[in-house]
Amino acid sequence: MRKQLIAAAIGAGVALASPAVFAQQDLNFDEYRAMLEDGNPAELYEMEGEELWKTARGPKNATLEQCDLGLGPGVVQGAAAQLPRYFADADKVQDLETRLMYCMEKQQGIDPAEIVNGKFLQGERRQMAALVAYVVGQSKGEKIAVDLSHPKMKEMYALGEQAFYYRTGAMDFACSSCHSQDGKRIRATQLPNITKPEGAAAGWGSWPAYRVSNSQFWTMQHRLWDCFRQQRTAEPIFASDVTIALSVFMAGKGNGAEAQWPGVKR
């Protein structure tokens, strides 16, 4: 019933405020997003994610209420603003999705393969998106504060920077092809300049986001996957090192800026 209510509410919101309507009125998408802020449909995913966080699931029939996102077991407030980070218990750098996967496996017994090999917005991947919405919603307005001091964080930052400039695929594109200059856009989408702190903050601090054009909530893992797809190159494995490294690079460059999670996109 909850999913039906979410679908109905989102559908109604999109019908009432489609991009085409605003284009006809000659309004830009910054104004459009601002008008949606008070009623961001991502709030419905946040509600679903909070329920999932507190619901016993998986072979171990346990909740995620003791999941440590970096600030202590069960602490969600402000946690997303400090991710990705190095976790000693896993001995690796993890972003929000990979940390949630770790908790789901350790505490609930849910096999990470169900998420890694799943399809976006289906099954456990959909559950993941809802959990992400809930967690990032608890850091809205917080300052991005990613700790880059650990050697493995420094290693990931360097890998992310290398991946950002690496040209590949049929079009010989890199992330930097779209995100290394001011004032660039694709159709109605404004492209942040990730090479500058303010651009990195705008890119990192506004995803995950609800996408009005397809009535879907996208996590950062989903966003990065789609960037690779648009480069016409090999699509990354969900939660692979290159996706985490790119997140460390963006988050690290955006340190100190205010996060606007979850965002609203075209």
Protein backbone atom coordinates (compact mmCIF):
# COMPACT_ATOMS: atom_id res chain seq x y z
CA MET A 1 0.00 0.00 0.00
CA ARG A 2 2.86 2.39 0.86
CA LYS A 3 4.43 1.87 -2.58
CA GLN A 4 1.08 2.57 -4.25
CA LEU A 5 0.71 5.80 -2.27
CA ILE A 6 4.25 6.84 -3.18
CA ALA A 7 3.66 6.14 -6.86
CA ALA A 8 0.37 8.02 -6.85
CA ALA A 9 1.79 11.02 -5.03
CA ILE A 10 4.85 11.22 -7.26
CA GLY A 11 2.75 10.83 -10.38
CA ALA A 12 0.46 13.64 -9.26
CA GLY A 13 3.41 15.88 -8.48
CA VAL A 14 4.98 15.33 -11.87
CA ALA A 15 1.70 15.90 -13.66
CA LEU A 16 1.24 19.19 -11.87
CA ALA A 17 4.80 20.41 -12.38
CA SER A 18 6.42 18.94 -15.47
CA PRO A 19 9.54 20.54 -16.99
CA ALA A 20 7.65 21.17 -20.23
CA VAL A 21 5.20 23.45 -18.47
CA PHE A 22 8.01 25.53 -17.00
CA ALA A 23 9.86 25.64 -20.31
CA GLN A 24 6.78 27.16 -21.92
CA GLN A 25 6.78 29.86 -19.24
CA ASP A 26 10.44 30.60 -19.97
CA LEU A 27 11.55 29.76 -16.42
CA ASN A 28 15.00 28.26 -15.83
CA PHE A 29 15.49 25.00 -13.96
CA ASP A 30 17.03 26.66 -10.92
CA GLU A 31 13.67 28.37 -10.38
CA TYR A 32 11.90 25.12 -11.15
CA ARG A 33 13.91 23.17 -8.55
CA ALA A 34 13.45 25.95 -6.01
CA MET A 35 9.68 25.72 -6.44
CA LEU A 36 9.83 21.98 -5.78
CA GLU A 37 12.03 22.19 -2.69
CA ASP A 38 9.19 22.44 -0.20
CA GLY A 39 7.53 19.38 -1.69
CA ASN A 40 10.46 17.28 -2.86
CA PRO A 41 9.04 13.83 -3.70
CA ALA A 42 12.26 12.35 -2.27
CA GLU A 43 10.63 12.85 1.13
CA LEU A 44 8.44 9.85 0.34
CA TYR A 45 11.54 7.73 -0.21
CA GLU A 46 12.96 9.05 3.06
CA MET A 47 9.86 7.82 4.86
CA GLU A 48 10.17 4.41 3.24
CA GLY A 49 13.89 4.29 4.11
CA GLU A 50 13.26 5.13 7.77
CA GLU A 51 10.74 2.30 7.95
CA LEU A 52 13.27 -0.10 6.36
CA TRP A 53 15.97 1.05 8.81
CA LYS A 54 13.75 0.03 11.73
CA THR A 55 12.29 -3.15 10.20
CA ALA A 56 13.74 -6.58 10.97
CA ARG A 57 14.69 -8.23 7.68
CA GLY A 58 16.99 -10.83 6.15
CA PRO A 59 18.07 -14.31 7.31
CA LYS A 60 19.06 -12.86 10.72
CA ASN A 61 15.70 -11.07 11.11
CA ALA A 62 17.41 -7.93 12.40
CA THR A 63 17.06 -4.18 11.90
CA LEU A 64 19.78 -1.72 10.87
CA GLU A 65 19.40 0.30 14.05
CA GLN A 66 22.88 -0.71 15.23
CA CYS A 67 24.56 0.05 11.89
CA ASP A 68 27.63 2.24 12.42
CA LEU A 69 27.85 4.83 9.65
CA GLY A 70 30.93 6.36 11.21
CA LEU A 71 29.53 8.24 14.19
CA GLY A 72 28.64 5.27 16.34
CA PRO A 73 26.08 2.44 16.22
CA GLY A 74 22.69 3.73 15.11
CA VAL A 75 23.75 7.37 14.73
CA VAL A 76 22.31 8.71 11.47
CA GLN A 77 22.22 12.47 12.09
CA GLY A 78 25.13 14.07 10.23
CA ALA A 79 26.66 10.76 9.15
CA ALA A 80 26.27 11.23 5.38
CA ALA A 81 28.12 14.55 5.51
CA GLN A 82 31.26 12.67 6.59
CA LEU A 83 31.09 9.93 3.97
CA PRO A 84 32.96 8.39 2.19
CA ARG A 85 35.37 7.50 4.98
CA TYR A 86 37.81 4.81 6.07
CA PHE A 87 36.24 2.15 8.31
CA ALA A 88 38.64 0.12 10.44
CA ASP A 89 36.21 -2.80 10.88
CA ALA A 90 36.04 -3.31 7.11
CA ASP A 91 39.62 -2.07 6.57
CA LYS A 92 38.53 -0.13 3.51
CA VAL A 93 37.09 3.14 2.31
CA GLN A 94 33.32 2.96 1.96
CA ASP A 95 30.71 5.33 0.61
CA LEU A 96 27.15 5.34 1.92
CA GLU A 97 25.93 2.52 -0.30
CA THR A 98 28.85 0.20 0.41
CA ARG A 99 28.61 0.89 4.15
CA LEU A 100 24.90 0.09 4.11
CA MET A 101 25.68 -3.11 2.18
CA TYR A 102 28.25 -4.00 4.85
CA CYS A 103 25.70 -3.48 7.64
CA MET A 104 23.00 -5.37 5.75
CA GLU A 105 25.33 -8.35 5.38
CA LYS A 106 26.75 -8.33 8.92
CA GLN A 107 23.58 -7.52 10.82
CA GLN A 108 20.78 -8.84 8.61
CA GLY A 109 22.51 -11.57 6.63
CA ILE A 110 21.53 -10.06 3.27
CA ASP A 111 23.98 -11.18 0.57
CA PRO A 112 25.68 -8.14 -1.06
CA ALA A 113 25.38 -9.96 -4.42
CA GLU A 114 21.63 -9.30 -4.31
CA ILE A 115 22.44 -5.59 -4.50
CA VAL A 116 25.58 -5.62 -6.66
CA ASN A 117 24.02 -7.87 -9.30
CA GLY A 118 20.53 -6.42 -9.07
CA LYS A 119 18.85 -3.84 -11.28
CA PHE A 120 18.47 -0.22 -10.30
CA LEU A 121 15.19 0.55 -8.55
CA GLN A 122 14.25 -3.13 -8.29
CA GLY A 123 14.43 -5.55 -5.38
CA GLU A 124 17.22 -4.85 -2.89
CA ARG A 125 18.54 -2.03 -5.12
CA ARG A 126 15.26 -0.19 -4.56
CA GLN A 127 15.50 -0.84 -0.83
CA MET A 128 19.02 0.56 -0.94
CA ALA A 129 17.82 3.75 -2.66
CA ALA A 130 15.18 4.28 0.04
CA LEU A 131 17.73 3.72 2.83
CA VAL A 132 20.09 6.22 1.16
CA ALA A 133 17.29 8.78 0.96
CA TYR A 134 16.62 8.39 4.68
CA VAL A 135 20.27 8.67 5.71
CA VAL A 136 21.19 11.68 3.54
CA GLY A 137 18.03 13.44 4.65
CA GLN A 138 19.49 13.47 8.15
CA SER A 139 22.46 15.51 6.88
CA LYS A 140 20.58 18.15 4.90
CA GLY A 141 22.16 21.51 5.65
CA GLU A 142 25.23 19.94 7.28
CA LYS A 143 28.72 20.94 6.17
CA ILE A 144 30.50 18.37 4.01
CA ALA A 145 33.34 17.16 6.22
CA VAL A 146 35.18 14.24 4.64
CA ASP A 147 38.38 13.24 6.48
CA LEU A 148 41.13 12.69 3.91
CA SER A 149 43.93 12.07 6.41
CA HIS A 150 43.99 8.25 6.34
CA PRO A 151 46.44 6.76 3.78
CA LYS A 152 43.66 4.73 2.15
CA MET A 153 41.54 7.88 1.77
CA LYS A 154 44.49 9.64 0.15
CA GLU A 155 44.91 6.67 -2.17
CA MET A 156 41.22 6.76 -3.12
CA TYR A 157 41.30 10.53 -3.69
CA ALA A 158 44.25 10.13 -6.07
CA LEU A 159 42.49 7.29 -7.90
CA GLY A 160 39.34 9.39 -8.17
CA GLU A 161 41.25 12.33 -9.61
CA GLN A 162 42.91 10.03 -12.15
CA ALA A 163 39.56 8.51 -13.12
CA PHE A 164 38.03 11.99 -13.47
CA TYR A 165 40.53 12.91 -16.21
CA TYR A 166 40.81 9.46 -17.84
CA ARG A 167 39.50 9.50 -21.41
CA THR A 168 37.86 6.31 -22.62
CA GLY A 169 35.04 4.84 -24.68
CA ALA A 170 33.90 5.29 -28.25
CA MET A 171 33.60 9.07 -27.82
CA ASP A 172 36.99 9.43 -26.05
CA PHE A 173 35.26 11.18 -23.16
CA ALA A 174 36.31 11.70 -19.56
CA CYS A 175 34.34 13.04 -16.61
CA SER A 176 36.33 16.22 -17.19
CA SER A 177 34.92 16.52 -20.72
CA CYS A 178 31.66 17.73 -19.18
CA HIS A 179 32.75 18.88 -15.73
CA SER A 180 35.94 20.93 -16.01
CA GLN A 181 34.69 24.29 -17.34
CA ASP A 182 32.31 26.96 -16.09
CA GLY A 183 28.96 27.60 -17.73
CA LYS A 184 28.62 24.32 -19.62
CA ARG A 185 25.33 22.51 -19.99
CA ILE A 186 23.71 19.63 -21.86
CA ARG A 187 20.28 20.71 -23.07
CA ALA A 188 18.64 22.12 -19.92
CA THR A 189 21.08 20.50 -17.50
CA GLN A 190 23.70 22.80 -16.00
CA LEU A 191 27.04 21.03 -15.49
CA PRO A 192 29.04 21.89 -12.36
CA ASN A 193 32.77 22.47 -12.76
CA ILE A 194 34.08 19.71 -10.49
CA THR A 195 37.66 21.03 -10.71
CA LYS A 196 36.64 23.93 -8.44
CA PRO A 197 35.55 23.50 -4.80
CA GLU A 198 32.24 25.26 -5.40
CA GLY A 199 31.51 23.08 -8.44
CA ALA A 200 32.47 19.89 -6.63
CA ALA A 201 30.22 20.91 -3.76
CA ALA A 202 27.35 21.60 -6.15
CA GLY A 203 27.76 18.21 -7.80
CA TRP A 204 28.40 16.13 -4.70
CA GLY A 205 26.11 18.04 -2.37
CA SER A 206 22.98 17.77 -4.53
CA TRP A 207 23.03 14.01 -5.20
CA PRO A 208 21.30 11.68 -4.33
CA ALA A 209 18.30 13.31 -5.92
CA TYR A 210 14.77 12.86 -7.16
CA ARG A 211 14.64 13.06 -10.97
CA VAL A 212 11.42 14.68 -12.11
CA SER A 213 11.86 13.64 -15.76
CA ASN A 214 11.52 9.95 -14.94
CA SER A 215 9.89 10.05 -11.48
CA GLN A 216 12.79 8.17 -9.88
CA PHE A 217 15.12 8.60 -6.90
CA TRP A 218 18.77 8.14 -7.91
CA THR A 219 21.64 7.48 -5.53
CA MET A 220 25.17 8.67 -6.32
CA GLN A 221 26.10 5.13 -7.41
CA HIS A 222 23.22 5.30 -9.92
CA ARG A 223 24.29 8.78 -11.08
CA LEU A 224 27.90 7.69 -11.67
CA TRP A 225 26.76 4.58 -13.53
CA ASP A 226 24.74 6.77 -15.88
CA CYS A 227 27.72 9.10 -16.44
CA PHE A 228 29.81 6.14 -17.57
CA ARG A 229 26.97 4.98 -19.81
CA GLN A 230 26.81 8.40 -21.44
CA GLN A 231 30.57 8.27 -22.01
CA ARG A 232 29.82 5.19 -24.15
CA THR A 233 32.27 3.17 -22.11
CA ALA A 234 32.14 0.12 -19.85
CA GLU A 235 29.57 0.64 -17.12
CA PRO A 236 31.06 0.31 -13.63
CA ILE A 237 30.15 -2.49 -11.25
CA PHE A 238 27.89 -1.24 -8.46
CA ALA A 239 29.98 -0.21 -5.42
CA SER A 240 33.28 -0.81 -7.25
CA ASP A 241 36.45 1.02 -6.22
CA VAL A 242 36.31 3.47 -9.12
CA THR A 243 32.85 4.73 -8.08
CA ILE A 244 33.96 5.13 -4.47
CA ALA A 245 37.17 6.87 -5.60
CA LEU A 246 35.24 9.38 -7.71
CA SER A 247 32.99 10.05 -4.73
CA VAL A 248 36.01 10.64 -2.47
CA PHE A 249 37.45 13.04 -5.06
CA MET A 250 34.24 15.05 -5.37
CA ALA A 251 33.42 15.05 -1.67
CA GLY A 252 36.98 15.97 -0.73
CA LYS A 253 37.04 18.92 -3.12
CA GLY A 254 33.64 20.04 -1.84
CA ASN A 255 34.62 19.96 1.83
CA GLY A 256 33.15 22.80 3.88
CA ALA A 257 30.12 23.42 1.66
CA GLU A 258 26.56 22.86 2.79
CA ALA A 259 24.93 19.62 1.61
CA GLN A 260 21.48 19.96 0.04
CA TRP A 261 20.49 16.29 0.15
CA PRO A 262 18.31 14.98 -1.21
CA GLY A 263 18.26 17.15 -4.32
CA VAL A 264 15.69 17.69 -7.07
CA LYS A 265 16.82 17.30 -10.67
CA ARG A 266 15.33 17.70 -14.11
